[in-house]
PDB file of N, CA and C in Angstrom:
ATOM      1  N   MET A   1      20.079   5.753 -14.279  1.00  0.00           N
ATOM      2  CA  MET A   1      20.801   5.006 -15.073  1.00  0.00           C
ATOM      3  C   MET A   1      20.147   4.852 -16.601  1.00  0.00           C
ATOM      4  N   THR A   2      20.773   5.019 -17.465  1.00  0.00           N
ATOM      5  CA  THR A   2      20.138   4.911 -18.953  1.00  0.00           C
ATOM      6  C   THR A   2      19.875   3.458 -19.391  1.00  0.00           C
ATOM      7  N   ARG A   3      18.767   3.194 -20.280  1.00  0.00           N
ATOM      8  CA  ARG A   3      18.549   1.799 -20.772  1.00  0.00           C
ATOM      9  C   ARG A   3      19.692   1.257 -21.392  1.00  0.00           C
ATOM     10  N   GLY A   4      20.524   2.346 -22.145  1.00  0.00           N
ATOM     11  CA  GLY A   4      21.503   1.804 -22.926  1.00  0.00           C
ATOM     12  C   GLY A   4      22.532   1.249 -22.150  1.00  0.00           C
ATOM     13  N   ARG A   5      22.526   1.491 -20.880  1.00  0.00           N
ATOM     14  CA  ARG A   5      23.763   0.778 -20.035  1.00  0.00           C
ATOM     15  C   ARG A   5      23.412  -0.877 -19.920  1.00  0.00           C
ATOM     16  N   ALA A   6      22.225  -1.202 -20.040  1.00  0.00           N
ATOM     17  CA  ALA A   6      21.903  -2.521 -20.143  1.00  0.00           C
ATOM     18  C   ALA A   6      22.644  -3.313 -21.254  1.00  0.00           C
ATOM     19  N   GLN A   7      22.657  -2.612 -22.246  1.00  0.00           N
ATOM     20  CA  GLN A   7      23.277  -3.279 -23.361  1.00  0.00           C
ATOM     21  C   GLN A   7      24.845  -2.858 -23.700  1.00  0.00           C
ATOM     22  N   ASP A   8      25.310  -2.284 -22.729  1.00  0.00           N
ATOM     23  CA  ASP A   8      26.748  -1.420 -23.178  1.00  0.00           C
ATOM     24  C   ASP A   8      27.707  -2.854 -22.806  1.00  0.00           C
ATOM     25  N   PRO A   9      28.364  -3.349 -23.573  1.00  0.00           N
ATOM     26  CA  PRO A   9      29.452  -4.663 -23.102  1.00  0.00           C
ATOM     27  C   PRO A   9      30.592  -4.118 -22.181  1.00  0.00           C
ATOM     28  N   ASP A  10      30.715  -2.752 -22.095  1.00  0.00           N
ATOM     29  CA  ASP A  10      31.863  -2.236 -21.420  1.00  0.00           C
ATOM     30  C   ASP A  10      31.470  -2.024 -19.894  1.00  0.00           C
ATOM     31  N   VAL A  11      30.423  -2.319 -19.499  1.00  0.00           N
ATOM     32  CA  VAL A  11      30.203  -2.061 -18.097  1.00  0.00           C
ATOM     33  C   VAL A  11      29.993  -3.398 -17.359  1.00  0.00           C
ATOM     34  N   CYS A  12      30.111  -3.408 -15.956  1.00  0.00           N
ATOM     35  CA  CYS A  12      30.216  -4.557 -15.123  1.00  0.00           C
ATOM     36  C   CYS A  12      28.880  -5.167 -15.365  1.00  0.00           C
ATOM     37  N   GLY A  13      28.795  -6.502 -15.002  1.00  0.00           N
ATOM     38  CA  GLY A  13      27.532  -7.364 -15.006  1.00  0.00           C
ATOM     39  C   GLY A  13      26.265  -6.806 -14.223  1.00  0.00           C
ATOM     40  N   VAL A  14      26.795  -6.371 -12.788  1.00  0.00           N
ATOM     41  CA  VAL A  14      25.883  -5.894 -12.021  1.00  0.00           C
ATOM     42  C   VAL A  14      25.094  -4.799 -12.594  1.00  0.00           C
ATOM     43  N   THR A  15      25.831  -3.702 -13.199  1.00  0.00           N
ATOM     44  CA  THR A  15      25.470  -2.489 -13.616  1.00  0.00           C
ATOM     45  C   THR A  15      24.136  -2.821 -14.777  1.00  0.00           C
ATOM     46  N   ALA A  16      24.791  -3.913 -15.807  1.00  0.00           N
ATOM     47  CA  ALA A  16      23.715  -4.080 -16.654  1.00  0.00           C
ATOM     48  C   ALA A  16      22.558  -4.752 -16.374  1.00  0.00           C
ATOM     49  N   ALA A  17      22.838  -5.699 -15.093  1.00  0.00           N
ATOM     50  CA  ALA A  17      21.553  -6.155 -14.543  1.00  0.00           C
ATOM     51  C   ALA A  17      20.534  -5.214 -13.836  1.00  0.00           C
ATOM     52  N   VAL A  18      21.343  -4.239 -13.263  1.00  0.00           N
ATOM     53  CA  VAL A  18      20.439  -3.274 -12.458  1.00  0.00           C
ATOM     54  C   VAL A  18      19.723  -2.414 -13.529  1.00  0.00           C
ATOM     55  N   ALA A  19      20.509  -2.294 -14.840  1.00  0.00           N
ATOM     56  CA  ALA A  19      19.766  -1.291 -15.649  1.00  0.00           C
ATOM     57  C   ALA A  19      18.369  -1.868 -16.262  1.00  0.00           C
ATOM     58  N   VAL A  20      18.330  -3.147 -16.251  1.00  0.00           N
ATOM     59  CA  VAL A  20      17.036  -4.095 -16.639  1.00  0.00           C
ATOM     60  C   VAL A  20      15.805  -3.868 -15.597  1.00  0.00           C
ATOM     61  N   ILE A  21      16.326  -3.650 -14.325  1.00  0.00           N
ATOM     62  CA  ILE A  21      15.061  -3.540 -13.327  1.00  0.00           C
ATOM     63  C   ILE A  21      15.194  -2.153 -12.556  1.00  0.00           C
ATOM     64  N   ASP A  22      15.833  -1.198 -13.151  1.00  0.00           N
ATOM     65  CA  ASP A  22      16.112   0.189 -12.673  1.00  0.00           C
ATOM     66  C   ASP A  22      14.722   0.685 -12.733  1.00  0.00           C
ATOM     67  N   GLY A  23      14.176   1.601 -11.962  1.00  0.00           N
ATOM     68  CA  GLY A  23      12.927   2.028 -11.853  1.00  0.00           C
ATOM     69  C   GLY A  23      11.968   1.606 -10.683  1.00  0.00           C
ATOM     70  N   LYS A  24      11.084   2.556 -10.275  1.00  0.00           N
ATOM     71  CA  LYS A  24      10.236   2.407  -9.219  1.00  0.00           C
ATOM     72  C   LYS A  24       9.421   1.094  -9.270  1.00  0.00           C
ATOM     73  N   TRP A  25       8.937   0.545 -10.394  1.00  0.00           N
ATOM     74  CA  TRP A  25       7.900  -0.411 -10.471  1.00  0.00           C
ATOM     75  C   TRP A  25       8.259  -1.726 -11.007  1.00  0.00           C
ATOM     76  N   LYS A  26       9.338  -1.875 -11.933  1.00  0.00           N
ATOM     77  CA  LYS A  26       9.861  -3.095 -12.233  1.00  0.00           C
ATOM     78  C   LYS A  26      10.041  -4.364 -11.190  1.00  0.00           C
ATOM     79  N   THR A  27      10.546  -3.938 -10.361  1.00  0.00           N
ATOM     80  CA  THR A  27      10.789  -5.113  -9.270  1.00  0.00           C
ATOM     81  C   THR A  27       9.415  -5.681  -8.800  1.00  0.00           C
ATOM     82  N   GLY A  28       8.559  -4.635  -8.638  1.00  0.00           N
ATOM     83  CA  GLY A  28       7.150  -4.985  -8.034  1.00  0.00           C
ATOM     84  C   GLY A  28       6.411  -5.853  -9.135  1.00  0.00           C
ATOM     85  N   LEU A  29       6.683  -5.529 -10.499  1.00  0.00           N
ATOM     86  CA  LEU A  29       5.827  -6.132 -11.323  1.00  0.00           C
ATOM     87  C   LEU A  29       6.526  -7.435 -11.430  1.00  0.00           C
ATOM     88  N   LEU A  30       7.755  -7.599 -11.490  1.00  0.00           N
ATOM     89  CA  LEU A  30       8.355  -8.985 -11.467  1.00  0.00           C
ATOM     90  C   LEU A  30       7.859  -9.893 -10.530  1.00  0.00           C
ATOM     91  N   TRP A  31       7.775  -9.169  -9.188  1.00  0.00           N
ATOM     92  CA  TRP A  31       7.337  -9.987  -8.147  1.00  0.00           C
ATOM     93  C   TRP A  31       6.094 -10.689  -8.363  1.00  0.00           C
ATOM     94  N   LEU A  32       5.062  -9.815  -8.805  1.00  0.00           N
ATOM     95  CA  LEU A  32       3.818 -10.134  -8.962  1.00  0.00           C
ATOM     96  C   LEU A  32       3.504 -11.260 -10.101  1.00  0.00           C
ATOM     97  N   LEU A  33       4.288 -10.895 -11.073  1.00  0.00           N
ATOM     98  CA  LEU A  33       4.328 -11.994 -12.110  1.00  0.00           C
ATOM     99  C   LEU A  33       4.872 -13.367 -11.599  1.00  0.00           C
ATOM    100  N   GLU A  34       5.648 -13.553 -10.812  1.00  0.00           N
ATOM    101  CA  GLU A  34       6.294 -14.745 -10.305  1.00  0.00           C
ATOM    102  C   GLU A  34       5.090 -15.792 -10.004  1.00  0.00           C
ATOM    103  N   SER A  35       3.900 -15.317  -9.456  1.00  0.00           N
ATOM    104  CA  SER A  35       2.959 -16.277  -9.415  1.00  0.00           C
ATOM    105  C   SER A  35       1.980 -16.707 -10.396  1.00  0.00           C
ATOM    106  N   GLY A  36       2.358 -16.109 -11.561  1.00  0.00           N
ATOM    107  CA  GLY A  36       1.758 -16.486 -12.808  1.00  0.00           C
ATOM    108  C   GLY A  36       1.201 -15.501 -13.763  1.00  0.00           C
ATOM    109  N   PRO A  37       0.746 -15.584 -14.909  1.00  0.00           N
ATOM    110  CA  PRO A  37       0.194 -14.761 -15.819  1.00  0.00           C
ATOM    111  C   PRO A  37      -0.939 -13.775 -14.895  1.00  0.00           C
ATOM    112  N   CYS A  38      -0.696 -12.499 -15.525  1.00  0.00           N
ATOM    113  CA  CYS A  38      -1.888 -11.630 -14.872  1.00  0.00           C
ATOM    114  C   CYS A  38      -2.229 -10.655 -16.026  1.00  0.00           C
ATOM    115  N   ARG A  39      -3.435 -10.121 -15.973  1.00  0.00           N
ATOM    116  CA  ARG A  39      -3.864  -9.340 -16.977  1.00  0.00           C
ATOM    117  C   ARG A  39      -3.640  -7.926 -16.402  1.00  0.00           C
ATOM    118  N   PRO A  40      -3.435  -6.699 -17.303  1.00  0.00           N
ATOM    119  CA  PRO A  40      -3.112  -5.433 -16.796  1.00  0.00           C
ATOM    120  C   PRO A  40      -3.733  -4.871 -15.636  1.00  0.00           C
ATOM    121  N   GLY A  41      -5.345  -5.168 -15.837  1.00  0.00           N
ATOM    122  CA  GLY A  41      -6.073  -4.708 -14.526  1.00  0.00           C
ATOM    123  C   GLY A  41      -5.812  -5.239 -13.147  1.00  0.00           C
ATOM    124  N   GLU A  42      -5.455  -6.440 -13.285  1.00  0.00           N
ATOM    125  CA  GLU A  42      -5.027  -7.150 -11.964  1.00  0.00           C
ATOM    126  C   GLU A  42      -3.745  -6.746 -11.478  1.00  0.00           C
ATOM    127  N   LEU A  43      -2.797  -6.415 -12.437  1.00  0.00           N
ATOM    128  CA  LEU A  43      -1.548  -5.747 -12.050  1.00  0.00           C
ATOM    129  C   LEU A  43      -1.861  -4.364 -11.162  1.00  0.00           C
ATOM    130  N   ARG A  44      -2.562  -3.550 -11.900  1.00  0.00           N
ATOM    131  CA  ARG A  44      -2.836  -2.337 -11.370  1.00  0.00           C
ATOM    132  C   ARG A  44      -3.233  -2.254 -10.028  1.00  0.00           C
ATOM    133  N   ARG A  45      -4.345  -3.345  -9.851  1.00  0.00           N
ATOM    134  CA  ARG A  45      -4.954  -3.379  -8.545  1.00  0.00           C
ATOM    135  C   ARG A  45      -4.086  -3.728  -7.541  1.00  0.00           C
ATOM    136  N   GLN A  46      -3.099  -4.609  -7.787  1.00  0.00           N
ATOM    137  CA  GLN A  46      -2.209  -5.049  -6.847  1.00  0.00           C
ATOM    138  C   GLN A  46      -1.060  -3.875  -6.562  1.00  0.00           C
ATOM    139  N   MET A  47      -0.883  -2.802  -7.584  1.00  0.00           N
ATOM    140  CA  MET A  47       0.186  -2.081  -7.228  1.00  0.00           C
ATOM    141  C   MET A  47      -0.405  -0.308  -7.112  1.00  0.00           C
ATOM    142  N   PRO A  48      -1.009  -0.140  -6.215  1.00  0.00           N
ATOM    143  CA  PRO A  48      -1.883   1.135  -6.145  1.00  0.00           C
ATOM    144  C   PRO A  48      -0.693   2.213  -6.145  1.00  0.00           C
ATOM    145  N   GLY A  49      -1.121   3.081  -6.904  1.00  0.00           N
ATOM    146  CA  GLY A  49      -0.067   4.449  -7.265  1.00  0.00           C
ATOM    147  C   GLY A  49       0.567   4.308  -8.607  1.00  0.00           C
ATOM    148  N   ILE A  50       0.335   2.982  -9.132  1.00  0.00           N
ATOM    149  CA  ILE A  50       1.007   3.084 -10.709  1.00  0.00           C
ATOM    150  C   ILE A  50      -0.064   3.530 -11.595  1.00  0.00           C
ATOM    151  N   SER A  51       0.362   4.326 -12.505  1.00  0.00           N
ATOM    152  CA  SER A  51      -0.701   4.784 -13.611  1.00  0.00           C
ATOM    153  C   SER A  51      -0.654   3.701 -14.796  1.00  0.00           C
ATOM    154  N   GLU A  52      -1.698   3.683 -15.551  1.00  0.00           N
ATOM    155  CA  GLU A  52      -1.624   2.777 -16.655  1.00  0.00           C
ATOM    156  C   GLU A  52      -0.647   2.983 -17.777  1.00  0.00           C
ATOM    157  N   LYS A  53      -0.268   4.276 -17.909  1.00  0.00           N
ATOM    158  CA  LYS A  53       0.721   4.622 -18.907  1.00  0.00           C
ATOM    159  C   LYS A  53       1.982   4.150 -18.277  1.00  0.00           C
ATOM    160  N   VAL A  54       2.436   4.393 -16.908  1.00  0.00           N
ATOM    161  CA  VAL A  54       3.674   3.998 -16.435  1.00  0.00           C
ATOM    162  C   VAL A  54       3.872   2.656 -16.658  1.00  0.00           C
ATOM    163  N   MET A  55       2.861   1.777 -16.171  1.00  0.00           N
ATOM    164  CA  MET A  55       2.826   0.350 -15.986  1.00  0.00           C
ATOM    165  C   MET A  55       3.138  -0.148 -17.447  1.00  0.00           C
ATOM    166  N   THR A  56       2.261   0.371 -18.359  1.00  0.00           N
ATOM    167  CA  THR A  56       2.552  -0.218 -19.738  1.00  0.00           C
ATOM    168  C   THR A  56       3.736  -0.002 -20.189  1.00  0.00           C
ATOM    169  N   GLN A  57       4.334   1.185 -19.923  1.00  0.00           N
ATOM    170  CA  GLN A  57       5.796   1.500 -20.253  1.00  0.00           C
ATOM    171  C   GLN A  57       6.995   0.407 -19.774  1.00  0.00           C
ATOM    172  N   ALA A  58       6.639   0.272 -18.297  1.00  0.00           N
ATOM    173  CA  ALA A  58       7.420  -0.471 -17.586  1.00  0.00           C
ATOM    174  C   ALA A  58       7.535  -2.292 -18.169  1.00  0.00           C
ATOM    175  N   LEU A  59       6.043  -2.478 -18.345  1.00  0.00           N
ATOM    176  CA  LEU A  59       5.984  -3.790 -18.894  1.00  0.00           C
ATOM    177  C   LEU A  59       6.453  -4.061 -20.476  1.00  0.00           C
ATOM    178  N   ARG A  60       6.380  -2.933 -21.123  1.00  0.00           N
ATOM    179  CA  ARG A  60       7.138  -3.197 -22.715  1.00  0.00           C
ATOM    180  C   ARG A  60       8.493  -3.112 -22.472  1.00  0.00           C
ATOM    181  N   GLU A  61       9.188  -2.175 -21.680  1.00  0.00           N
ATOM    182  CA  GLU A  61      10.526  -2.228 -21.631  1.00  0.00           C
ATOM    183  C   GLU A  61      11.106  -3.682 -20.896  1.00  0.00           C
ATOM    184  N   MET A  62      10.375  -4.401 -20.135  1.00  0.00           N
ATOM    185  CA  MET A  62      10.625  -5.725 -19.720  1.00  0.00           C
ATOM    186  C   MET A  62      10.334  -6.554 -20.709  1.00  0.00           C
ATOM    187  N   GLU A  63       9.474  -6.613 -21.346  1.00  0.00           N
ATOM    188  CA  GLU A  63       9.187  -7.189 -22.708  1.00  0.00           C
ATOM    189  C   GLU A  63      10.333  -7.302 -23.948  1.00  0.00           C
ATOM    190  N   THR A  64      10.841  -5.812 -23.880  1.00  0.00           N
ATOM    191  CA  THR A  64      11.889  -5.620 -24.813  1.00  0.00           C
ATOM    192  C   THR A  64      13.108  -6.399 -24.197  1.00  0.00           C
ATOM    193  N   ASP A  65      13.443  -6.451 -22.948  1.00  0.00           N
ATOM    194  CA  ASP A  65      14.598  -7.068 -22.260  1.00  0.00           C
ATOM    195  C   ASP A  65      14.215  -8.492 -22.157  1.00  0.00           C
ATOM    196  N   GLY A  66      13.366  -9.150 -22.583  1.00  0.00           N
ATOM    197  CA  GLY A  66      13.244 -10.437 -22.713  1.00  0.00           C
ATOM    198  C   GLY A  66      12.786 -10.969 -21.278  1.00  0.00           C
ATOM    199  N   LEU A  67      12.204 -10.108 -20.335  1.00  0.00           N
ATOM    200  CA  LEU A  67      11.840 -10.609 -19.092  1.00  0.00           C
ATOM    201  C   LEU A  67      10.445 -11.172 -19.204  1.00  0.00           C
ATOM    202  N   VAL A  68       9.449 -10.465 -19.620  1.00  0.00           N
ATOM    203  CA  VAL A  68       8.272 -10.623 -19.856  1.00  0.00           C
ATOM    204  C   VAL A  68       7.821 -11.084 -21.342  1.00  0.00           C
ATOM    205  N   HIS A  69       6.634 -11.747 -21.360  1.00  0.00           N
ATOM    206  CA  HIS A  69       5.945 -12.143 -22.473  1.00  0.00           C
ATOM    207  C   HIS A  69       4.475 -11.477 -22.542  1.00  0.00           C
ATOM    208  N   ARG A  70       4.114 -10.861 -23.483  1.00  0.00           N
ATOM    209  CA  ARG A  70       2.795 -10.404 -23.558  1.00  0.00           C
ATOM    210  C   ARG A  70       2.060 -11.193 -24.560  1.00  0.00           C
ATOM    211  N   GLU A  71       0.806 -11.511 -24.094  1.00  0.00           N
ATOM    212  CA  GLU A  71      -0.110 -12.508 -24.853  1.00  0.00           C
ATOM    213  C   GLU A  71      -1.319 -11.576 -25.122  1.00  0.00           C
ATOM    214  N   VAL A  72      -1.643 -11.581 -26.557  1.00  0.00           N
ATOM    215  CA  VAL A  72      -2.879 -10.803 -26.669  1.00  0.00           C
ATOM    216  C   VAL A  72      -3.922 -11.976 -27.367  1.00  0.00           C
ATOM    217  N   TYR A  73      -5.044 -11.902 -26.678  1.00  0.00           N
ATOM    218  CA  TYR A  73      -6.056 -12.869 -27.194  1.00  0.00           C
ATOM    219  C   TYR A  73      -7.113 -12.131 -28.173  1.00  0.00           C
ATOM    220  N   ASP A  74      -7.287 -12.969 -29.294  1.00  0.00           N
ATOM    221  CA  ASP A  74      -8.030 -12.304 -30.261  1.00  0.00           C
ATOM    222  C   ASP A  74      -9.643 -12.835 -30.022  1.00  0.00           C
ATOM    223  N   THR A  75     -10.109 -12.169 -28.769  1.00  0.00           N
ATOM    224  CA  THR A  75     -11.360 -12.237 -28.479  1.00  0.00           C
ATOM    225  C   THR A  75     -12.088 -10.873 -28.241  1.00  0.00           C
ATOM    226  N   LEU A  76     -13.303 -10.757 -28.411  1.00  0.00           N
ATOM    227  CA  LEU A  76     -13.937  -9.695 -27.841  1.00  0.00           C
ATOM    228  C   LEU A  76     -14.543  -9.642 -26.520  1.00  0.00           C
ATOM    229  N   PRO A  77     -14.195  -8.731 -25.763  1.00  0.00           N
ATOM    230  CA  PRO A  77     -13.248  -7.744 -25.845  1.00  0.00           C
ATOM    231  C   PRO A  77     -11.960  -8.404 -25.800  1.00  0.00           C
ATOM    232  N   LEU A  78     -10.879  -7.492 -26.552  1.00  0.00           N
ATOM    233  CA  LEU A  78      -9.421  -8.222 -26.441  1.00  0.00           C
ATOM    234  C   LEU A  78      -9.087  -8.341 -25.003  1.00  0.00           C
ATOM    235  N   LYS A  79      -8.241  -9.500 -24.720  1.00  0.00           N
ATOM    236  CA  LYS A  79      -7.620  -9.881 -23.541  1.00  0.00           C
ATOM    237  C   LYS A  79      -6.396  -9.826 -23.630  1.00  0.00           C
ATOM    238  N   THR A  80      -5.568  -9.314 -22.643  1.00  0.00           N
ATOM    239  CA  THR A  80      -4.098  -9.251 -22.793  1.00  0.00           C
ATOM    240  C   THR A  80      -3.608  -9.916 -21.493  1.00  0.00           C
ATOM    241  N   GLU A  81      -2.556 -10.737 -21.370  1.00  0.00           N
ATOM    242  CA  GLU A  81      -2.103 -11.452 -20.376  1.00  0.00           C
ATOM    243  C   GLU A  81      -0.454 -11.306 -20.225  1.00  0.00           C
ATOM    244  N   TYR A  82       0.275 -10.800 -19.187  1.00  0.00           N
ATOM    245  CA  TYR A  82       1.640 -10.717 -19.186  1.00  0.00           C
ATOM    246  C   TYR A  82       1.964 -11.910 -18.350  1.00  0.00           C
ATOM    247  N   SER A  83       3.313 -12.571 -18.634  1.00  0.00           N
ATOM    248  CA  SER A  83       3.904 -13.568 -17.789  1.00  0.00           C
ATOM    249  C   SER A  83       5.180 -13.303 -18.142  1.00  0.00           C
ATOM    250  N   LEU A  84       6.100 -13.927 -16.996  1.00  0.00           N
ATOM    251  CA  LEU A  84       7.397 -14.022 -17.036  1.00  0.00           C
ATOM    252  C   LEU A  84       7.879 -14.881 -18.117  1.00  0.00           C
ATOM    253  N   THR A  85       8.996 -14.749 -18.644  1.00  0.00           N
ATOM    254  CA  THR A  85       9.721 -15.600 -19.657  1.00  0.00           C
ATOM    255  C   THR A  85      10.639 -16.410 -18.808  1.00  0.00           C
ATOM    256  N   ALA A  86      11.134 -17.472 -19.369  1.00  0.00           N
ATOM    257  CA  ALA A  86      12.248 -18.273 -18.684  1.00  0.00           C
ATOM    258  C   ALA A  86      13.533 -17.348 -17.950  1.00  0.00           C
ATOM    259  N   PHE A  87      13.619 -16.353 -19.075  1.00  0.00           N
ATOM    260  CA  PHE A  87      14.864 -15.361 -18.662  1.00  0.00           C
ATOM    261  C   PHE A  87      14.310 -14.558 -17.352  1.00  0.00           C
ATOM    262  N   GLY A  88      12.987 -14.204 -17.341  1.00  0.00           N
ATOM    263  CA  GLY A  88      12.392 -13.406 -16.360  1.00  0.00           C
ATOM    264  C   GLY A  88      12.633 -14.305 -15.031  1.00  0.00           C
ATOM    265  N   ARG A  89      12.152 -15.597 -15.170  1.00  0.00           N
ATOM    266  CA  ARG A  89      12.011 -16.320 -14.020  1.00  0.00           C
ATOM    267  C   ARG A  89      13.467 -16.681 -13.257  1.00  0.00           C
ATOM    268  N   GLU A  90      14.451 -16.655 -14.286  1.00  0.00           N
ATOM    269  CA  GLU A  90      15.709 -16.780 -13.904  1.00  0.00           C
ATOM    270  C   GLU A  90      16.179 -15.453 -13.218  1.00  0.00           C
ATOM    271  N   LEU A  91      15.956 -14.405 -13.657  1.00  0.00           N
ATOM    272  CA  LEU A  91      16.162 -13.026 -12.941  1.00  0.00           C
ATOM    273  C   LEU A  91      15.577 -13.128 -11.534  1.00  0.00           C
ATOM    274  N   SER A  92      14.232 -13.475 -11.467  1.00  0.00           N
ATOM    275  CA  SER A  92      13.603 -13.453 -10.182  1.00  0.00           C
ATOM    276  C   SER A  92      14.341 -14.443  -9.132  1.00  0.00           C
ATOM    277  N   GLU A  93      14.811 -15.509  -9.541  1.00  0.00           N
ATOM    278  CA  GLU A  93      15.469 -16.476  -8.723  1.00  0.00           C
ATOM    279  C   GLU A  93      16.803 -15.822  -8.390  1.00  0.00           C
ATOM    280  N   VAL A  94      17.351 -14.959  -9.107  1.00  0.00           N
ATOM    281  CA  VAL A  94      18.708 -14.588  -8.787  1.00  0.00           C
ATOM    282  C   VAL A  94      18.389 -13.378  -7.787  1.00  0.00           C
ATOM    283  N   LEU A  95      17.364 -12.790  -8.006  1.00  0.00           N
ATOM    284  CA  LEU A  95      17.147 -11.514  -7.089  1.00  0.00           C
ATOM    285  C   LEU A  95      16.556 -12.198  -5.499  1.00  0.00           C
ATOM    286  N   ALA A  96      16.130 -13.372  -5.630  1.00  0.00           N
ATOM    287  CA  ALA A  96      15.577 -13.782  -4.218  1.00  0.00           C
ATOM    288  C   ALA A  96      16.731 -13.627  -3.059  1.00  0.00           C
ATOM    289  N   PRO A  97      17.999 -13.785  -3.219  1.00  0.00           N
ATOM    290  CA  PRO A  97      19.057 -13.566  -2.056  1.00  0.00           C
ATOM    291  C   PRO A  97      19.233 -12.052  -1.917  1.00  0.00           C
ATOM    292  N   LEU A  98      18.911 -11.265  -2.687  1.00  0.00           N
ATOM    293  CA  LEU A  98      19.179  -9.891  -2.660  1.00  0.00           C
ATOM    294  C   LEU A  98      18.082  -9.428  -1.756  1.00  0.00           C
ATOM    295  N   SER A  99      16.858 -10.022  -2.109  1.00  0.00           N
ATOM    296  CA  SER A  99      15.500  -9.626  -1.557  1.00  0.00           C
ATOM    297  C   SER A  99      15.765 -10.180  -0.088  1.00  0.00           C
ATOM    298  N   ASP A 100      16.334 -11.296   0.237  1.00  0.00           N
ATOM    299  CA  ASP A 100      16.453 -11.754   1.690  1.00  0.00           C
ATOM    300  C   ASP A 100      17.463 -10.882   2.355  1.00  0.00           C
ATOM    301  N   TRP A 101      18.421 -10.413   1.619  1.00  0.00           N
ATOM    302  CA  TRP A 101      19.361  -9.330   2.190  1.00  0.00           C
ATOM    303  C   TRP A 101      18.641  -8.291   2.609  1.00  0.00           C
ATOM    304  N   GLY A 102      17.799  -7.634   1.784  1.00  0.00           N
ATOM    305  CA  GLY A 102      17.016  -6.474   1.939  1.00  0.00           C
ATOM    306  C   GLY A 102      16.295  -6.577   3.134  1.00  0.00           C
ATOM    307  N   HIS A 103      15.441  -7.851   3.402  1.00  0.00           N
ATOM    308  CA  HIS A 103      14.619  -7.991   4.597  1.00  0.00           C
ATOM    309  C   HIS A 103      15.430  -7.907   5.862  1.00  0.00           C
ATOM    310  N   ARG A 104      16.618  -8.541   5.722  1.00  0.00           N
ATOM    311  CA  ARG A 104      17.720  -8.529   6.949  1.00  0.00           C
ATOM    312  C   ARG A 104      17.869  -7.153   7.237  1.00  0.00           C
ATOM    313  N   ARG A 105      18.115  -6.542   6.203  1.00  0.00           N
ATOM    314  CA  ARG A 105      18.630  -4.894   6.273  1.00  0.00           C
ATOM    315  C   ARG A 105      17.699  -4.179   7.122  1.00  0.00           C
ATOM    316  N   LEU A 106      16.212  -4.293   6.767  1.00  0.00           N
ATOM    317  CA  LEU A 106      15.266  -3.552   7.222  1.00  0.00           C
ATOM    318  C   LEU A 106      14.853  -4.257   8.747  1.00  0.00           C
ATOM    319  N   GLU A 107      15.133  -5.343   8.850  1.00  0.00           N
ATOM    320  CA  GLU A 107      15.050  -5.601  10.452  1.00  0.00           C
ATOM    321  C   GLU A 107      16.243  -5.159  11.305  1.00  0.00           C
ATOM    322  N   LYS A 108      17.177  -4.997  10.877  1.00  0.00           N
ATOM    323  CA  LYS A 108      18.519  -4.602  11.396  1.00  0.00           C
ATOM    324  C   LYS A 108      18.377  -3.024  11.677  1.00  0.00           C
ATOM    325  N   LEU A 109      17.687  -2.089  10.733  1.00  0.00           N
ATOM    326  CA  LEU A 109      17.420  -0.825  10.953  1.00  0.00           C
ATOM    327  C   LEU A 109      16.209  -0.650  12.090  1.00  0.00           C
ATOM    328  N   ALA A 110      15.128  -1.559  11.918  1.00  0.00           N
ATOM    329  CA  ALA A 110      14.102  -1.253  12.843  1.00  0.00           C
ATOM    330  C   ALA A 110      14.677  -1.501  14.439  1.00  0.00           C
ATOM    331  N   ALA A 111      15.523  -2.626  14.434  1.00  0.00           N
ATOM    332  CA  ALA A 111      15.995  -3.085  15.662  1.00  0.00           C
ATOM    333  C   ALA A 111      16.908  -1.989  16.237  1.00  0.00           C
ATOM    334  N   GLY A 112      17.628  -1.057  15.213  1.00  0.00           N
ATOM    335  CA  GLY A 112      18.435  -0.112  15.661  1.00  0.00           C
ATOM    336  C   GLY A 112      17.397   1.146  16.217  1.00  0.00           C
ATOM    337  N   ARG A 113      16.445   1.172  15.596  1.00  0.00           N
ATOM    338  CA  ARG A 113      15.561   2.317  16.073  1.00  0.00           C
ATOM    339  C   ARG A 113      14.841   2.054  17.391  1.00  0.00           C
ATOM    340  N   SER A 114      14.270   0.718  17.589  1.00  0.00           N
ATOM    341  CA  SER A 114      14.039   0.289  18.719  1.00  0.00           C
ATOM    342  C   SER A 114      14.769   0.380  19.943  1.00  0.00           C
ATOM    343  N   ALA A 115      16.265   0.119  19.875  1.00  0.00           N
ATOM    344  CA  ALA A 115      17.090   0.249  20.710  1.00  0.00           C
ATOM    345  C   ALA A 115      17.281   1.893  21.296  1.00  0.00           C
ATOM    346  N   ALA A 116      17.125   2.681  20.232  1.00  0.00           N
ATOM    347  CA  ALA A 116      17.720   4.143  20.360  1.00  0.00           C
ATOM    348  C   ALA A 116      16.364   4.769  21.057  1.00  0.00           C
ATOM    349  N   SER A 117      15.309   4.034  21.102  1.00  0.00           N
ATOM    350  CA  SER A 117      13.915   4.827  21.656  1.00  0.00           C
ATOM    351  C   SER A 117      13.796   4.644  23.034  1.00  0.00           C
TER     352      SER A 117
END
């Protein structure tokens, strides 16, 4: 899905919402930032497998979409923190029921595999 679909007024609302969180890492970053502001190094440690470049790109896209706030502190060394905006927290709350549904689906799949064994 292209990022432009997130701003296209002629798509359904679900498509516009999914375009904002599309990608391998954005939902995980959103989930981690729910617990409060994090520095980039903290986020990388909690998300093994994500490169610094990809994480920065995802966070910048989320910042552009109004989900994440990036705060740079004028100290030496420079300190950067990412946090959810009110809009990002709202999205997180909206995604909670979807997350619950996903967990129920995984449990159902696991039960099906157990019954087949």
